[in-house]
């Protein structure tokens, strides 16, 4: 198997009101044309890490991407707003990332060895934490999927990874 190039696909599970749904591409500066960022509308309640059933359809799209490329790996990163202490938010964001990882394993049989998770708390924000809307937007999970693309896959065939 000859590998023609590496491709990184960023899938953002942006848990914010008004964010574009899965499948709406957002340009990723500095990445190859194969790199894409997707946004999912998943909302966490303040201080909670559970995944509500209505978000299954969007998480399934992440699982489908991983299952279509059995050699692909994913890094799941959790973030939080500024409600609570910094230590609490780091722990909460780790729990959110771990829950997404476990959801992919339990519901879609993605091999756990292909997934890593990390919580970053409130250290990286996308919005102003001084507003309710900003805090909601900062409760975010980002999933980066890295996959090898072979010559056959460049032509639209995902069978010989």
N, C-alpha and C. Protein backbone atom coordinates (compact mmCIF):
# COMPACT_ATOMS: atom_id res chain seq x y z
N UNK A 1 0.84 -1.17 0.00
CA UNK A 1 0.00 0.00 0.00
C UNK A 1 0.89 1.23 0.00
N UNK A 2 0.76 2.07 -1.00
CA UNK A 2 1.52 3.30 -1.08
C UNK A 2 0.66 4.44 -0.54
N UNK A 3 1.23 5.22 0.36
CA UNK A 3 0.50 6.33 0.94
C UNK A 3 0.85 7.59 0.16
N UNK A 4 -0.16 8.26 -0.34
CA UNK A 4 0.09 9.44 -1.15
C UNK A 4 0.19 10.71 -0.33
N UNK A 5 -0.52 10.78 0.79
CA UNK A 5 -0.46 11.97 1.63
C UNK A 5 -1.19 11.73 2.94
N UNK A 6 -0.90 12.56 3.89
CA UNK A 6 -1.63 12.54 5.17
C UNK A 6 -2.77 13.52 5.05
N UNK A 7 -3.86 13.20 5.68
CA UNK A 7 -4.97 14.14 5.72
C UNK A 7 -5.48 14.24 7.14
N UNK A 8 -5.67 15.42 7.60
CA UNK A 8 -6.27 15.62 8.92
C UNK A 8 -7.64 16.21 8.71
N UNK A 9 -8.62 15.65 9.34
CA UNK A 9 -9.96 16.20 9.24
C UNK A 9 -10.37 16.64 10.63
N UNK A 10 -10.69 17.89 10.74
CA UNK A 10 -11.14 18.41 12.02
C UNK A 10 -12.66 18.39 12.03
N UNK A 11 -13.19 17.82 13.07
CA UNK A 11 -14.63 17.83 13.23
C UNK A 11 -14.90 18.53 14.55
N UNK A 12 -15.51 19.64 14.50
CA UNK A 12 -15.79 20.38 15.72
C UNK A 12 -17.16 20.02 16.24
N UNK A 13 -17.23 19.60 17.45
CA UNK A 13 -18.51 19.40 18.10
C UNK A 13 -18.75 20.68 18.89
N UNK A 14 -19.17 21.72 18.20
CA UNK A 14 -19.34 23.01 18.84
C UNK A 14 -20.69 23.04 19.52
N UNK A 15 -20.63 23.17 20.81
CA UNK A 15 -21.86 23.10 21.58
C UNK A 15 -22.36 24.50 21.87
N UNK A 16 -22.85 25.15 20.82
CA UNK A 16 -23.28 26.52 20.98
C UNK A 16 -24.51 26.79 20.14
N UNK A 17 -25.39 27.55 20.65
CA UNK A 17 -26.60 27.91 19.91
C UNK A 17 -26.21 28.69 18.66
N UNK A 18 -26.88 28.39 17.58
CA UNK A 18 -26.66 29.13 16.35
C UNK A 18 -25.46 28.66 15.55
N UNK A 19 -24.78 27.63 15.96
CA UNK A 19 -23.64 27.13 15.22
C UNK A 19 -24.14 26.26 14.08
N UNK A 20 -23.45 26.30 12.96
CA UNK A 20 -23.86 25.52 11.80
C UNK A 20 -23.89 24.04 12.14
N UNK A 21 -24.80 23.30 11.52
CA UNK A 21 -24.94 21.87 11.77
C UNK A 21 -23.85 21.07 11.09
N UNK A 22 -23.79 19.78 11.41
CA UNK A 22 -22.77 18.90 10.87
C UNK A 22 -22.84 18.92 9.36
N UNK A 23 -21.70 18.97 8.73
CA UNK A 23 -21.64 18.93 7.28
C UNK A 23 -21.41 20.30 6.66
N UNK A 24 -21.56 21.37 7.41
CA UNK A 24 -21.27 22.70 6.90
C UNK A 24 -19.79 22.95 7.10
N UNK A 25 -19.05 23.01 6.01
CA UNK A 25 -17.60 23.14 6.11
C UNK A 25 -17.21 24.54 6.55
N UNK A 26 -16.23 24.60 7.40
CA UNK A 26 -15.64 25.84 7.85
C UNK A 26 -14.18 25.78 7.45
N UNK A 27 -13.64 26.79 6.75
CA UNK A 27 -12.24 26.73 6.34
C UNK A 27 -11.31 26.61 7.54
N UNK A 28 -10.27 25.80 7.38
CA UNK A 28 -9.28 25.61 8.43
C UNK A 28 -7.97 26.19 7.91
N UNK A 29 -7.55 27.36 8.40
CA UNK A 29 -6.33 27.98 7.90
C UNK A 29 -5.11 27.08 8.11
N UNK A 30 -4.25 27.02 7.10
CA UNK A 30 -3.00 26.28 7.23
C UNK A 30 -3.11 24.79 7.06
N UNK A 31 -4.27 24.26 6.74
CA UNK A 31 -4.42 22.83 6.56
C UNK A 31 -4.55 22.51 5.07
N UNK A 32 -4.36 21.23 4.75
CA UNK A 32 -4.47 20.79 3.37
C UNK A 32 -5.92 20.85 2.92
N UNK A 33 -6.17 20.79 1.61
CA UNK A 33 -7.55 20.83 1.11
C UNK A 33 -8.43 19.71 1.66
N UNK A 34 -7.82 18.60 2.09
CA UNK A 34 -8.59 17.49 2.65
C UNK A 34 -9.05 17.76 4.09
N UNK A 35 -8.48 18.76 4.73
CA UNK A 35 -8.85 19.07 6.11
C UNK A 35 -10.15 19.86 6.13
N UNK A 36 -11.04 19.42 6.98
CA UNK A 36 -12.34 20.09 7.08
C UNK A 36 -12.72 20.21 8.54
N UNK A 37 -13.46 21.24 8.85
CA UNK A 37 -13.98 21.39 10.20
C UNK A 37 -15.50 21.38 10.09
N UNK A 38 -16.10 20.57 10.90
CA UNK A 38 -17.55 20.48 10.94
C UNK A 38 -18.02 20.95 12.31
N UNK A 39 -19.17 21.56 12.34
CA UNK A 39 -19.74 22.01 13.61
C UNK A 39 -21.00 21.21 13.90
N UNK A 40 -21.14 20.79 15.13
CA UNK A 40 -22.33 20.08 15.58
C UNK A 40 -23.04 20.92 16.63
N UNK A 41 -24.33 20.95 16.58
CA UNK A 41 -25.11 21.66 17.60
C UNK A 41 -25.42 20.72 18.76
N UNK A 42 -24.50 20.62 19.68
CA UNK A 42 -24.72 19.82 20.89
C UNK A 42 -24.62 20.78 22.06
N UNK A 43 -25.59 20.75 22.94
CA UNK A 43 -25.61 21.67 24.06
C UNK A 43 -25.51 20.91 25.38
N UNK A 44 -24.55 21.33 26.21
CA UNK A 44 -24.43 20.82 27.57
C UNK A 44 -25.08 21.82 28.51
N UNK A 45 -25.74 21.31 29.53
CA UNK A 45 -26.20 22.18 30.60
C UNK A 45 -24.98 22.55 31.44
N UNK A 46 -25.06 23.70 32.10
CA UNK A 46 -23.96 24.14 32.96
C UNK A 46 -23.64 23.06 34.00
N UNK A 47 -22.38 22.71 34.10
CA UNK A 47 -21.95 21.73 35.10
C UNK A 47 -22.28 20.30 34.77
N UNK A 48 -22.78 20.02 33.58
CA UNK A 48 -23.17 18.66 33.20
C UNK A 48 -22.28 18.13 32.09
N UNK A 49 -22.17 16.80 32.02
CA UNK A 49 -21.35 16.16 30.99
C UNK A 49 -22.11 15.09 30.22
N UNK A 50 -23.41 14.93 30.52
CA UNK A 50 -24.17 13.88 29.84
C UNK A 50 -24.51 14.29 28.41
N UNK A 51 -24.59 13.28 27.55
CA UNK A 51 -24.93 13.50 26.14
C UNK A 51 -26.40 13.16 25.96
N UNK A 52 -27.17 14.14 25.56
CA UNK A 52 -28.61 13.94 25.38
C UNK A 52 -28.89 13.17 24.09
N UNK A 53 -29.95 12.34 24.10
CA UNK A 53 -30.26 11.49 22.94
C UNK A 53 -30.42 12.24 21.62
N UNK A 54 -30.87 13.48 21.66
CA UNK A 54 -31.10 14.20 20.40
C UNK A 54 -29.80 14.49 19.63
N UNK A 55 -28.65 14.30 20.28
CA UNK A 55 -27.38 14.57 19.61
C UNK A 55 -26.76 13.33 18.97
N UNK A 56 -27.43 12.19 19.11
CA UNK A 56 -26.93 10.94 18.56
C UNK A 56 -26.70 11.02 17.05
N UNK A 57 -27.60 11.64 16.32
CA UNK A 57 -27.49 11.67 14.87
C UNK A 57 -26.22 12.40 14.43
N UNK A 58 -25.84 13.44 15.13
CA UNK A 58 -24.62 14.17 14.77
C UNK A 58 -23.37 13.41 15.19
N UNK A 59 -23.38 12.80 16.36
CA UNK A 59 -22.23 12.02 16.80
C UNK A 59 -22.04 10.80 15.89
N UNK A 60 -23.14 10.27 15.39
CA UNK A 60 -23.06 9.15 14.45
C UNK A 60 -22.26 9.52 13.20
N UNK A 61 -22.35 10.76 12.78
CA UNK A 61 -21.59 11.19 11.61
C UNK A 61 -20.08 11.16 11.89
N UNK A 62 -19.69 11.46 13.11
CA UNK A 62 -18.29 11.32 13.50
C UNK A 62 -17.90 9.85 13.47
N UNK A 63 -18.76 9.01 14.04
CA UNK A 63 -18.51 7.57 14.05
C UNK A 63 -18.42 7.01 12.62
N UNK A 64 -19.30 7.46 11.75
CA UNK A 64 -19.28 7.00 10.37
C UNK A 64 -17.95 7.33 9.70
N UNK A 65 -17.45 8.54 9.95
CA UNK A 65 -16.15 8.93 9.39
C UNK A 65 -15.06 8.01 9.90
N UNK A 66 -15.07 7.72 11.19
CA UNK A 66 -14.07 6.83 11.77
C UNK A 66 -14.23 5.40 11.26
N UNK A 67 -15.45 4.93 11.15
CA UNK A 67 -15.68 3.55 10.70
C UNK A 67 -15.42 3.38 9.21
N UNK A 68 -15.54 4.45 8.43
CA UNK A 68 -15.21 4.39 7.01
C UNK A 68 -13.70 4.32 6.77
N UNK A 69 -12.93 4.73 7.76
CA UNK A 69 -11.48 4.72 7.67
C UNK A 69 -10.92 4.01 8.90
N UNK A 70 -10.84 2.68 8.85
CA UNK A 70 -10.47 1.89 10.02
C UNK A 70 -9.08 2.17 10.58
N UNK A 71 -8.22 2.84 9.84
CA UNK A 71 -6.90 3.19 10.35
C UNK A 71 -6.88 4.61 10.95
N UNK A 72 -7.97 5.31 10.82
CA UNK A 72 -8.05 6.69 11.33
C UNK A 72 -8.02 6.70 12.85
N UNK A 73 -7.47 7.77 13.39
CA UNK A 73 -7.48 7.99 14.83
C UNK A 73 -8.16 9.33 15.10
N UNK A 74 -8.61 9.51 16.34
CA UNK A 74 -9.27 10.77 16.68
C UNK A 74 -8.85 11.24 18.06
N UNK A 75 -8.70 12.54 18.18
CA UNK A 75 -8.43 13.18 19.46
C UNK A 75 -9.67 14.00 19.82
N UNK A 76 -10.22 13.73 20.99
CA UNK A 76 -11.43 14.42 21.46
C UNK A 76 -11.00 15.38 22.56
N UNK A 77 -11.25 16.67 22.35
CA UNK A 77 -10.84 17.70 23.30
C UNK A 77 -12.07 18.37 23.89
N UNK A 78 -12.09 18.46 25.21
CA UNK A 78 -13.19 19.10 25.91
C UNK A 78 -12.79 20.46 26.47
N UNK A 79 -13.74 21.39 26.46
CA UNK A 79 -13.54 22.74 26.99
C UNK A 79 -14.74 23.11 27.85
N UNK A 80 -14.63 24.19 28.58
CA UNK A 80 -15.72 24.60 29.47
C UNK A 80 -15.80 26.13 29.52
N UNK A 81 -16.89 26.61 30.11
CA UNK A 81 -17.01 28.05 30.34
C UNK A 81 -16.31 28.40 31.65
N UNK A 82 -16.51 29.62 32.13
CA UNK A 82 -15.78 30.06 33.33
C UNK A 82 -16.59 29.95 34.62
N UNK A 83 -17.75 29.28 34.57
CA UNK A 83 -18.54 29.08 35.78
C UNK A 83 -17.86 28.00 36.61
N UNK A 84 -17.52 28.31 37.85
CA UNK A 84 -16.80 27.36 38.70
C UNK A 84 -15.31 27.66 38.70
N UNK A 85 -14.59 26.86 39.47
CA UNK A 85 -13.14 27.07 39.55
C UNK A 85 -12.45 26.52 38.31
N UNK A 86 -11.23 26.96 38.11
CA UNK A 86 -10.46 26.48 36.96
C UNK A 86 -10.25 24.96 37.03
N UNK A 87 -9.96 24.47 38.24
CA UNK A 87 -9.75 23.02 38.42
C UNK A 87 -11.03 22.25 38.13
N UNK A 88 -12.16 22.75 38.61
CA UNK A 88 -13.45 22.10 38.36
C UNK A 88 -13.74 22.04 36.86
N UNK A 89 -13.50 23.15 36.17
CA UNK A 89 -13.79 23.20 34.74
C UNK A 89 -12.87 22.29 33.94
N UNK A 90 -11.63 22.14 34.39
CA UNK A 90 -10.73 21.19 33.71
C UNK A 90 -11.25 19.77 33.87
N UNK A 91 -11.66 19.42 35.09
CA UNK A 91 -12.20 18.09 35.35
C UNK A 91 -13.50 17.86 34.56
N UNK A 92 -14.38 18.86 34.53
CA UNK A 92 -15.65 18.75 33.81
C UNK A 92 -15.40 18.58 32.31
N UNK A 93 -14.49 19.35 31.76
CA UNK A 93 -14.21 19.23 30.32
C UNK A 93 -13.60 17.88 29.99
N UNK A 94 -12.80 17.33 30.90
CA UNK A 94 -12.25 15.99 30.70
C UNK A 94 -13.37 14.96 30.70
N UNK A 95 -14.31 15.11 31.60
CA UNK A 95 -15.43 14.18 31.68
C UNK A 95 -16.28 14.25 30.42
N UNK A 96 -16.50 15.44 29.90
CA UNK A 96 -17.26 15.60 28.65
C UNK A 96 -16.54 14.90 27.50
N UNK A 97 -15.23 15.12 27.39
CA UNK A 97 -14.46 14.47 26.32
C UNK A 97 -14.49 12.95 26.49
N UNK A 98 -14.32 12.48 27.71
CA UNK A 98 -14.37 11.03 27.98
C UNK A 98 -15.74 10.45 27.62
N UNK A 99 -16.81 11.20 27.91
CA UNK A 99 -18.16 10.72 27.60
C UNK A 99 -18.38 10.61 26.09
N UNK A 100 -17.86 11.55 25.33
CA UNK A 100 -17.98 11.46 23.87
C UNK A 100 -17.20 10.25 23.36
N UNK A 101 -16.01 10.05 23.90
CA UNK A 101 -15.21 8.89 23.51
C UNK A 101 -15.97 7.60 23.81
N UNK A 102 -16.49 7.48 25.02
CA UNK A 102 -17.21 6.27 25.42
C UNK A 102 -18.47 6.07 24.59
N UNK A 103 -19.13 7.16 24.24
CA UNK A 103 -20.33 7.09 23.41
C UNK A 103 -20.00 6.50 22.04
N UNK A 104 -18.89 6.93 21.46
CA UNK A 104 -18.46 6.39 20.17
C UNK A 104 -18.15 4.89 20.27
N UNK A 105 -17.55 4.49 21.38
CA UNK A 105 -17.22 3.08 21.60
C UNK A 105 -18.48 2.25 21.83
N UNK A 106 -19.33 2.69 22.74
CA UNK A 106 -20.51 1.93 23.13
C UNK A 106 -21.58 1.87 22.05
N UNK A 107 -21.83 2.98 21.39
CA UNK A 107 -22.95 3.05 20.44
C UNK A 107 -22.54 2.69 19.01
N UNK A 108 -21.28 2.92 18.66
CA UNK A 108 -20.87 2.76 17.27
C UNK A 108 -19.66 1.85 17.08
N UNK A 109 -19.26 1.17 18.15
CA UNK A 109 -18.19 0.17 18.09
C UNK A 109 -16.89 0.69 17.52
N UNK A 110 -16.59 1.97 17.74
CA UNK A 110 -15.29 2.50 17.37
C UNK A 110 -14.29 1.96 18.39
N UNK A 111 -13.17 1.46 17.93
CA UNK A 111 -12.15 0.89 18.80
C UNK A 111 -11.57 1.99 19.70
N UNK A 112 -11.66 1.80 21.00
CA UNK A 112 -11.19 2.80 21.97
C UNK A 112 -9.71 3.11 21.80
N UNK A 113 -8.93 2.16 21.28
CA UNK A 113 -7.49 2.38 21.08
C UNK A 113 -7.23 3.45 20.02
N UNK A 114 -8.22 3.73 19.19
CA UNK A 114 -8.08 4.74 18.14
C UNK A 114 -8.46 6.14 18.63
N UNK A 115 -8.94 6.23 19.86
CA UNK A 115 -9.46 7.50 20.39
C UNK A 115 -8.66 7.95 21.61
N UNK A 116 -8.38 9.23 21.67
CA UNK A 116 -7.81 9.82 22.88
C UNK A 116 -8.71 10.98 23.29
N UNK A 117 -8.69 11.29 24.58
CA UNK A 117 -9.51 12.41 25.06
C UNK A 117 -8.71 13.24 26.04
N UNK A 118 -8.98 14.53 26.02
CA UNK A 118 -8.29 15.46 26.92
C UNK A 118 -9.23 16.61 27.26
N UNK A 119 -9.15 17.07 28.49
CA UNK A 119 -9.95 18.20 28.93
C UNK A 119 -9.07 19.41 29.17
N UNK A 120 -9.49 20.55 28.65
CA UNK A 120 -8.71 21.78 28.76
C UNK A 120 -9.42 22.86 29.57
N UNK A 121 -10.59 22.55 30.09
CA UNK A 121 -11.30 23.51 30.92
C UNK A 121 -11.61 24.79 30.19
N UNK A 122 -11.33 25.91 30.86
CA UNK A 122 -11.64 27.22 30.29
C UNK A 122 -10.41 27.88 29.68
N UNK A 123 -9.34 27.09 29.44
CA UNK A 123 -8.09 27.68 28.96
C UNK A 123 -8.18 28.20 27.53
N UNK A 124 -9.07 27.67 26.73
CA UNK A 124 -9.26 28.16 25.36
C UNK A 124 -10.74 28.48 25.20
N UNK A 125 -11.03 29.66 24.79
CA UNK A 125 -12.43 30.05 24.64
C UNK A 125 -12.69 30.54 23.22
N UNK A 126 -13.94 30.42 22.79
CA UNK A 126 -14.35 30.92 21.48
C UNK A 126 -15.23 32.15 21.61
N UNK A 127 -15.65 32.45 22.82
CA UNK A 127 -16.55 33.58 23.03
C UNK A 127 -16.29 34.22 24.40
N UNK A 128 -16.93 35.33 24.63
CA UNK A 128 -16.80 36.07 25.88
C UNK A 128 -17.58 35.37 26.99
N UNK A 129 -16.91 35.04 28.07
CA UNK A 129 -17.55 34.34 29.19
C UNK A 129 -18.43 35.25 30.05
N UNK A 130 -18.49 36.53 29.74
CA UNK A 130 -19.29 37.43 30.56
C UNK A 130 -20.77 37.42 30.19
N UNK A 131 -21.13 36.72 29.10
CA UNK A 131 -22.53 36.63 28.70
C UNK A 131 -22.99 35.18 28.72
N UNK A 132 -24.30 34.99 28.90
CA UNK A 132 -24.87 33.64 28.91
C UNK A 132 -24.59 32.93 27.57
N UNK A 133 -24.78 33.67 26.48
CA UNK A 133 -24.56 33.10 25.15
C UNK A 133 -23.09 32.72 24.95
N UNK A 134 -22.19 33.57 25.43
CA UNK A 134 -20.76 33.28 25.31
C UNK A 134 -20.36 32.05 26.10
N UNK A 135 -20.89 31.94 27.31
CA UNK A 135 -20.57 30.75 28.13
C UNK A 135 -21.09 29.49 27.44
N UNK A 136 -22.28 29.53 26.86
CA UNK A 136 -22.83 28.37 26.14
C UNK A 136 -21.90 27.99 24.99
N UNK A 137 -21.40 28.95 24.26
CA UNK A 137 -20.52 28.67 23.12
C UNK A 137 -19.17 28.10 23.56
N UNK A 138 -18.75 28.40 24.79
CA UNK A 138 -17.46 27.91 25.28
C UNK A 138 -17.53 26.50 25.84
N UNK A 139 -18.72 25.96 26.02
CA UNK A 139 -18.86 24.56 26.43
C UNK A 139 -18.78 23.72 25.15
N UNK A 140 -17.56 23.36 24.77
CA UNK A 140 -17.30 22.82 23.45
C UNK A 140 -16.46 21.55 23.51
N UNK A 141 -16.69 20.69 22.53
CA UNK A 141 -15.86 19.51 22.29
C UNK A 141 -15.35 19.64 20.86
N UNK A 142 -14.06 19.44 20.66
CA UNK A 142 -13.49 19.41 19.32
C UNK A 142 -12.93 18.02 19.08
N UNK A 143 -13.23 17.46 17.92
CA UNK A 143 -12.72 16.15 17.55
C UNK A 143 -11.87 16.33 16.30
N UNK A 144 -10.62 15.89 16.38
CA UNK A 144 -9.73 15.92 15.22
C UNK A 144 -9.54 14.48 14.76
N UNK A 145 -9.88 14.23 13.51
CA UNK A 145 -9.71 12.90 12.93
C UNK A 145 -8.54 12.96 11.97
N UNK A 146 -7.59 12.06 12.16
CA UNK A 146 -6.43 11.96 11.28
C UNK A 146 -6.50 10.63 10.55
N UNK A 147 -6.32 10.69 9.26
CA UNK A 147 -6.39 9.45 8.48
C UNK A 147 -5.35 9.47 7.37
N UNK A 148 -4.94 8.28 6.98
CA UNK A 148 -4.06 8.11 5.83
C UNK A 148 -4.93 8.01 4.60
N UNK A 149 -4.54 8.69 3.55
CA UNK A 149 -5.28 8.58 2.30
C UNK A 149 -4.38 7.91 1.28
N UNK A 150 -4.85 6.80 0.73
CA UNK A 150 -4.09 6.09 -0.30
C UNK A 150 -4.48 6.62 -1.66
N UNK A 151 -3.75 6.23 -2.69
CA UNK A 151 -4.10 6.66 -4.05
C UNK A 151 -5.52 6.27 -4.40
N UNK A 152 -5.96 5.08 -4.00
CA UNK A 152 -7.33 4.64 -4.30
C UNK A 152 -8.33 5.55 -3.60
N UNK A 153 -8.02 5.97 -2.37
CA UNK A 153 -8.94 6.82 -1.64
C UNK A 153 -9.01 8.21 -2.26
N UNK A 154 -7.91 8.66 -2.84
CA UNK A 154 -7.92 9.96 -3.53
C UNK A 154 -8.95 9.96 -4.65
N UNK A 155 -9.21 8.78 -5.20
CA UNK A 155 -10.17 8.65 -6.28
C UNK A 155 -11.56 8.31 -5.78
N UNK A 156 -11.76 8.42 -4.46
CA UNK A 156 -13.10 8.20 -3.92
C UNK A 156 -13.35 6.81 -3.40
N UNK A 157 -12.31 5.99 -3.24
CA UNK A 157 -12.48 4.63 -2.73
C UNK A 157 -11.83 4.53 -1.36
N UNK A 158 -12.62 4.21 -0.36
CA UNK A 158 -12.10 4.14 1.03
C UNK A 158 -11.89 2.70 1.48
N UNK A 159 -11.47 1.84 0.57
CA UNK A 159 -11.39 0.42 0.93
C UNK A 159 -10.01 -0.04 1.32
N UNK A 160 -8.95 0.52 0.79
CA UNK A 160 -7.61 0.02 1.04
C UNK A 160 -6.78 0.94 1.91
N UNK A 161 -7.27 1.31 3.05
CA UNK A 161 -6.53 2.23 3.89
C UNK A 161 -5.40 1.56 4.59
